[in-house]
């Protein structure tokens, strides 16, 4: 088959996939009315709760986008995946896992109760706030900018540009995040933190305030789907062991205290943030059917209307539908 015919077939294949995704986004947009904007960070309340968009980036180079795809938003708790990756790359997997566990909690992401009641030797996992703040304290550096430099370099290596910090969101979080300060003080008392509390929290608030796009989320997910390797250059950006560990944690702990349901009903690793973003990962799968993205893909979803667990309410419904229709589940 000549190259022109191959390109034409690719366009035709993408065309029907695009039509389906357009219809699905339109259908699930009505569920945004059922959710609420994040309230504990004042500036996040300025988002439009009716927004819903998706970007899907395949390892094979095919990209499909639909809905509200051009809106920048802050990464929030999705940053926890990549600070964990950076900490593992800087300090070693064993060092990090000696200081934070890999168990789901069943508790809210910002809970302090389980720390006090269960007298843990270390936080449950790196995606609840207690674990994430602990991981942030492990990053090398004497200032928050020094601590975050390897994170920015990692994002730049993947995205091919350097994301910026949304200073207004950072200030809004820093000035109002009473619960995270309470968690931080508990971590200080129990000796979990490896850097001073104010430095750790400043770094944590900054990492959550990095501004990205839906395309960025899909791109980050696609690299994880390919076990940390850029399929265009065949360069390993994230060590395979670390990428696979991060995906395992995303599957079991990535959707707050709804992680079990998400794993059961959607079946792919994912991590959400209270700005409404979700990054999801569909690794390559051995199927004989003529299904889209058999080679694997990254998916970015943005829908700032949240459910009670803090996840995008319409975004989860959209992901569940796509995973079912295209058999994306890893199980």
Protein backbone atom coordinates (compact mmCIF):
# COMPACT_ATOMS: atom_id res chain seq x y z
CA UNK A 1 0.00 0.00 0.00
CA UNK A 2 1.36 3.44 -0.95
CA UNK A 3 1.99 6.09 1.72
CA UNK A 4 -0.88 8.27 0.51
CA UNK A 5 -3.34 5.42 0.96
CA UNK A 6 -2.02 4.73 4.47
CA UNK A 7 -2.47 8.38 5.43
CA UNK A 8 -5.96 8.40 3.95
CA UNK A 9 -6.95 5.30 5.96
CA UNK A 10 -5.58 6.89 9.12
CA UNK A 11 -7.69 9.98 8.47
CA UNK A 12 -10.81 7.89 7.88
CA UNK A 13 -10.20 5.87 11.06
CA UNK A 14 -9.67 9.00 13.11
CA UNK A 15 -12.78 10.56 11.58
CA UNK A 16 -15.23 8.00 13.00
CA UNK A 17 -13.42 8.00 16.33
CA UNK A 18 -13.66 11.78 16.44
CA UNK A 19 -17.38 11.70 15.72
CA UNK A 20 -17.98 9.27 18.57
CA UNK A 21 -15.94 11.32 21.05
CA UNK A 22 -17.74 14.52 20.03
CA UNK A 23 -21.09 12.85 20.69
CA UNK A 24 -19.95 11.42 24.04
CA UNK A 25 -18.61 14.76 25.30
CA UNK A 26 -21.84 16.47 24.31
CA UNK A 27 -23.90 13.80 26.07
CA UNK A 28 -21.95 13.80 29.35
CA UNK A 29 -21.66 17.59 29.54
CA UNK A 30 -25.12 17.68 31.12
CA UNK A 31 -23.69 16.01 34.24
CA UNK A 32 -21.55 19.05 35.03
CA UNK A 33 -24.65 20.55 36.64
CA UNK A 34 -24.55 17.81 39.29
CA UNK A 35 -21.12 18.82 40.60
CA UNK A 36 -19.64 21.73 42.52
CA UNK A 37 -16.49 23.79 42.10
CA UNK A 38 -13.66 23.34 44.61
CA UNK A 39 -14.42 25.76 47.44
CA UNK A 40 -11.41 25.61 49.76
CA UNK A 41 -9.14 27.34 47.22
CA UNK A 42 -10.94 30.63 46.47
CA UNK A 43 -9.63 31.21 42.94
CA UNK A 44 -10.73 27.76 41.78
CA UNK A 45 -14.31 28.88 42.38
CA UNK A 46 -13.96 31.22 39.40
CA UNK A 47 -13.92 28.33 36.91
CA UNK A 48 -16.91 27.65 34.67
CA UNK A 49 -18.51 24.46 36.00
CA UNK A 50 -20.10 23.77 32.62
CA UNK A 51 -16.76 23.10 30.94
CA UNK A 52 -15.90 19.59 29.83
CA UNK A 53 -13.14 18.57 27.45
CA UNK A 54 -10.96 15.60 26.56
CA UNK A 55 -7.69 14.98 24.76
CA UNK A 56 -6.51 11.49 23.80
CA UNK A 57 -2.92 11.03 22.59
CA UNK A 58 -1.94 7.63 21.23
CA UNK A 59 1.52 6.11 21.33
CA UNK A 60 0.98 5.64 17.59
CA UNK A 61 0.79 9.43 17.10
CA UNK A 62 -2.98 9.76 16.68
CA UNK A 63 -4.59 12.54 18.77
CA UNK A 64 -8.31 13.12 19.28
CA UNK A 65 -9.71 16.14 21.12
CA UNK A 66 -13.20 17.37 21.85
CA UNK A 67 -15.06 19.86 23.99
CA UNK A 68 -13.41 22.62 26.01
CA UNK A 69 -9.79 21.83 25.17
CA UNK A 70 -8.21 25.30 25.10
CA UNK A 71 -8.59 26.24 28.76
CA UNK A 72 -5.45 26.37 30.95
CA UNK A 73 -5.80 25.06 34.50
CA UNK A 74 -3.53 24.17 37.41
CA UNK A 75 -2.32 20.62 37.83
CA UNK A 76 -3.17 20.40 41.56
CA UNK A 77 -2.97 16.82 42.91
CA UNK A 78 -1.94 15.39 39.55
CA UNK A 79 1.44 16.89 40.45
CA UNK A 80 1.74 14.21 43.15
CA UNK A 81 2.42 11.59 40.48
CA UNK A 82 5.35 13.51 39.08
CA UNK A 83 6.89 14.69 42.36
CA UNK A 84 6.81 11.04 43.42
CA UNK A 85 8.57 10.11 40.17
CA UNK A 86 11.17 12.86 40.67
CA UNK A 87 11.77 11.81 44.29
CA UNK A 88 12.31 8.20 43.17
CA UNK A 89 14.70 9.35 40.45
CA UNK A 90 16.63 11.58 42.87
CA UNK A 91 16.66 9.47 46.04
CA UNK A 92 15.93 5.96 44.81
CA UNK A 93 12.72 3.91 45.01
CA UNK A 94 13.69 2.11 48.22
CA UNK A 95 14.51 5.37 50.01
CA UNK A 96 11.14 6.90 49.09
CA UNK A 97 9.13 3.80 49.96
CA UNK A 98 10.80 3.63 53.36
CA UNK A 99 9.12 6.98 54.08
CA UNK A 100 5.73 6.61 52.40
CA UNK A 101 3.63 3.47 51.93
CA UNK A 102 1.70 2.25 48.87
CA UNK A 103 -1.63 1.30 50.48
CA UNK A 104 -5.08 2.78 49.65
CA UNK A 105 -6.73 4.54 52.58
CA UNK A 106 -10.48 4.66 51.99
CA UNK A 107 -10.28 8.11 53.58
CA UNK A 108 -10.59 11.59 52.08
CA UNK A 109 -7.41 12.87 50.43
CA UNK A 110 -6.97 15.60 53.06
CA UNK A 111 -7.84 13.46 56.07
CA UNK A 112 -5.72 13.74 59.20
CA UNK A 113 -7.84 11.32 61.24
CA UNK A 114 -6.21 8.14 59.95
CA UNK A 115 -2.76 9.43 60.86
CA UNK A 116 -3.78 10.02 64.46
CA UNK A 117 -5.99 6.98 64.99
CA UNK A 118 -3.83 4.33 63.32
CA UNK A 119 -0.47 5.59 64.59
CA UNK A 120 1.13 4.91 61.24
CA UNK A 121 4.85 4.44 60.83
CA UNK A 122 4.55 6.36 57.55
CA UNK A 123 1.74 7.93 55.47
CA UNK A 124 -0.46 5.47 53.57
CA UNK A 125 0.55 6.47 50.03
CA UNK A 126 2.08 9.40 48.10
CA UNK A 127 -1.26 10.58 46.68
CA UNK A 128 -3.05 11.50 49.91
CA UNK A 129 -1.96 14.92 51.11
CA UNK A 130 0.03 13.59 54.08
CA UNK A 131 2.02 11.31 51.78
CA UNK A 132 2.42 13.95 49.09
CA UNK A 133 3.73 16.54 51.55
CA UNK A 134 6.16 13.94 52.89
CA UNK A 135 7.38 13.19 49.35
CA UNK A 136 7.80 16.91 48.64
CA UNK A 137 10.03 17.18 51.72
CA UNK A 138 12.33 14.53 50.16
CA UNK A 139 13.10 16.65 47.09
CA UNK A 140 16.63 18.04 47.05
CA UNK A 141 17.12 21.79 47.41
CA UNK A 142 17.43 24.61 49.92
CA UNK A 143 14.63 26.71 48.39
CA UNK A 144 11.26 25.83 46.86
CA UNK A 145 12.55 26.78 43.41
CA UNK A 146 15.55 24.48 43.82
CA UNK A 147 13.32 21.65 45.00
CA UNK A 148 10.99 22.05 42.02
CA UNK A 149 13.64 22.50 39.33
CA UNK A 150 13.90 18.73 38.60
CA UNK A 151 10.09 18.56 38.33
CA UNK A 152 10.04 21.42 35.82
CA UNK A 153 12.88 19.75 33.88
CA UNK A 154 10.96 16.47 33.77
CA UNK A 155 7.80 18.20 32.52
CA UNK A 156 9.86 20.10 29.96
CA UNK A 157 11.52 16.89 28.73
CA UNK A 158 8.07 15.39 28.14
CA UNK A 159 6.08 18.40 26.91
CA UNK A 160 8.92 20.12 24.99
CA UNK A 161 8.19 23.42 26.73
CA UNK A 162 8.50 24.65 30.31
CA UNK A 163 5.15 25.09 32.09
CA UNK A 164 4.66 28.19 34.21
CA UNK A 165 3.56 28.70 37.79
CA UNK A 166 0.18 30.36 38.26
CA UNK A 167 1.22 32.83 40.95
CA UNK A 168 -2.34 33.86 41.79
CA UNK A 169 -3.43 30.27 42.44
CA UNK A 170 -0.27 29.67 44.48
CA UNK A 171 -1.04 32.67 46.69
CA UNK A 172 -4.68 31.63 47.01
CA UNK A 173 -3.68 28.13 48.15
CA UNK A 174 -0.91 29.33 50.43
CA UNK A 175 -3.14 31.85 52.21
CA UNK A 176 -6.12 29.55 52.77
CA UNK A 177 -4.84 25.97 53.08
CA UNK A 178 -5.44 25.52 56.81
CA UNK A 179 -5.98 21.75 56.55
CA UNK A 180 -2.66 21.16 54.79
CA UNK A 181 -0.88 23.20 57.45
CA UNK A 182 -2.53 21.05 60.13
CA UNK A 183 -1.33 17.93 58.31
CA UNK A 184 2.12 19.48 58.02
CA UNK A 185 2.38 20.20 61.72
CA UNK A 186 1.38 16.63 62.51
CA UNK A 187 4.07 15.36 60.13
CA UNK A 188 6.63 17.57 61.86
CA UNK A 189 5.63 16.22 65.27
CA UNK A 190 5.97 12.62 64.11
CA UNK A 191 9.28 13.24 62.31
CA UNK A 192 8.16 12.42 58.77
CA UNK A 193 9.42 15.59 57.05
CA UNK A 194 12.99 15.93 55.81
CA UNK A 195 12.84 19.68 55.17
CA UNK A 196 11.47 22.57 57.21
CA UNK A 197 7.70 22.81 57.28
CA UNK A 198 7.36 26.23 55.64
CA UNK A 199 9.79 25.28 52.86
CA UNK A 200 7.96 21.99 52.31
CA UNK A 201 4.52 23.60 52.18
CA UNK A 202 5.68 26.43 49.91
CA UNK A 203 7.07 23.82 47.52
CA UNK A 204 3.89 21.76 47.75
CA UNK A 205 1.61 24.72 47.02
CA UNK A 206 3.80 25.69 44.07
CA UNK A 207 3.82 22.21 42.54
CA UNK A 208 0.01 22.17 42.69
CA UNK A 209 -0.12 25.59 41.00
CA UNK A 210 1.74 24.63 37.82
CA UNK A 211 -0.46 25.56 34.86
CA UNK A 212 -1.02 23.11 32.04
CA UNK A 213 -3.47 22.23 29.26
CA UNK A 214 -5.56 19.20 28.35
CA UNK A 215 -3.06 18.35 25.62
CA UNK A 216 -0.32 18.38 28.27
CA UNK A 217 -2.25 15.93 30.44
CA UNK A 218 -2.74 13.56 27.53
CA UNK A 219 0.96 13.84 26.65
CA UNK A 220 2.03 13.07 30.23
CA UNK A 221 -0.31 10.08 30.27
CA UNK A 222 0.98 8.84 26.93
CA UNK A 223 4.60 8.78 28.18
CA UNK A 224 3.50 6.81 31.23
CA UNK A 225 1.50 4.46 28.99
CA UNK A 226 4.75 3.80 27.11
CA UNK A 227 6.58 2.98 30.38
CA UNK A 228 8.38 6.32 30.47
CA UNK A 229 9.80 6.27 26.97
CA UNK A 230 9.13 8.92 24.32
CA UNK A 231 7.87 6.90 21.32
CA UNK A 232 9.14 9.51 18.84
CA UNK A 233 12.73 9.59 20.05
CA UNK A 234 12.95 6.23 21.88
CA UNK A 235 14.54 8.16 24.78
CA UNK A 236 13.73 6.91 28.27
CA UNK A 237 12.54 10.01 30.14
CA UNK A 238 11.28 8.13 33.23
CA UNK A 239 12.92 4.87 34.32
CA UNK A 240 10.63 1.96 33.47
CA UNK A 241 10.52 0.66 37.05
CA UNK A 242 9.48 4.09 38.33
CA UNK A 243 6.87 4.61 35.59
CA UNK A 244 5.29 1.24 36.34
CA UNK A 245 5.26 1.89 40.08
CA UNK A 246 3.59 5.26 39.50
CA UNK A 247 0.92 3.61 37.33
CA UNK A 248 0.26 0.97 39.97
CA UNK A 249 -0.31 3.70 42.55
CA UNK A 250 -2.54 5.62 40.15
CA UNK A 251 -4.72 2.53 39.75
CA UNK A 252 -5.06 1.83 43.47
CA UNK A 253 -4.85 5.32 45.02
CA UNK A 254 -5.19 7.91 42.25
CA UNK A 255 -8.86 8.89 42.55
CA UNK A 256 -9.00 9.74 46.24
CA UNK A 257 -11.44 7.60 48.23
CA UNK A 258 -13.23 6.62 44.99
CA UNK A 259 -10.15 4.76 43.71
CA UNK A 260 -11.66 1.31 44.22
CA UNK A 261 -14.80 2.11 42.26
CA UNK A 262 -12.79 3.73 39.49
CA UNK A 263 -10.51 0.68 39.22
CA UNK A 264 -13.54 -1.63 39.13
CA UNK A 265 -15.69 0.31 36.66
CA UNK A 266 -13.10 2.07 34.48
CA UNK A 267 -10.06 -0.14 34.96
CA UNK A 268 -7.18 2.14 33.98
CA UNK A 269 -4.59 4.04 36.06
CA UNK A 270 -5.63 7.65 36.64
CA UNK A 271 -4.95 10.64 38.87
CA UNK A 272 -7.30 13.54 39.50
CA UNK A 273 -6.94 17.07 40.80
CA UNK A 274 -9.45 19.44 42.39
CA UNK A 275 -9.13 21.89 39.51
CA UNK A 276 -11.07 19.30 37.51
CA UNK A 277 -8.25 17.62 35.65
CA UNK A 278 -7.76 13.88 35.29
CA UNK A 279 -4.80 12.17 33.65
CA UNK A 280 -5.51 8.58 32.64
CA UNK A 281 -3.27 5.91 31.17
CA UNK A 282 -4.27 3.08 28.82
CA UNK A 283 -1.20 0.85 28.31
CA UNK A 284 -0.81 -1.27 25.17
CA UNK A 285 -3.19 -4.23 25.24
CA UNK A 286 -3.32 -7.51 23.39
CA UNK A 287 -6.71 -7.49 21.70
CA UNK A 288 -7.71 -8.98 18.37
CA UNK A 289 -10.64 -6.65 17.79
CA UNK A 290 -10.40 -3.58 15.60
CA UNK A 291 -10.31 -1.12 18.51
CA UNK A 292 -8.80 2.35 18.78
CA UNK A 293 -5.48 2.91 20.55
CA UNK A 294 -4.48 -0.73 20.95
CA UNK A 295 -0.89 0.52 21.13
CA UNK A 296 -1.80 2.52 24.25
CA UNK A 297 -2.64 6.15 24.91
CA UNK A 298 -2.73 8.95 27.43
CA UNK A 299 -6.01 10.70 28.20
CA UNK A 300 -6.50 14.14 29.66
CA UNK A 301 -9.92 15.22 30.90
CA UNK A 302 -10.95 18.62 32.23
CA UNK A 303 -14.26 19.26 33.99
CA UNK A 304 -14.09 21.54 37.08
CA UNK A 305 -17.49 20.47 38.49
CA UNK A 306 -16.53 17.94 41.18
CA UNK A 307 -18.26 15.11 43.01
CA UNK A 308 -18.11 14.65 46.79
CA UNK A 309 -14.73 12.88 46.55
CA UNK A 310 -13.17 15.80 44.66
CA UNK A 311 -13.12 14.18 41.20
CA UNK A 312 -14.54 15.64 37.99
CA UNK A 313 -18.11 14.35 38.02
CA UNK A 314 -18.70 14.47 34.26
CA UNK A 315 -15.08 13.55 33.53
CA UNK A 316 -15.39 10.22 35.35
CA UNK A 317 -18.62 9.36 33.53
CA UNK A 318 -16.98 10.22 30.20
CA UNK A 319 -13.89 8.12 30.98
CA UNK A 320 -16.02 5.18 32.09
CA UNK A 321 -17.98 5.28 28.84
CA UNK A 322 -14.89 5.49 26.62
CA UNK A 323 -13.11 2.74 28.55
CA UNK A 324 -16.11 0.46 28.08
CA UNK A 325 -16.72 1.26 24.41
CA UNK A 326 -13.05 0.92 23.43
CA UNK A 327 -12.18 -1.82 25.92
CA UNK A 328 -9.36 0.19 27.50
CA UNK A 329 -9.43 -1.68 30.82
CA UNK A 330 -6.16 -3.34 31.79
CA UNK A 331 -8.07 -6.29 33.28
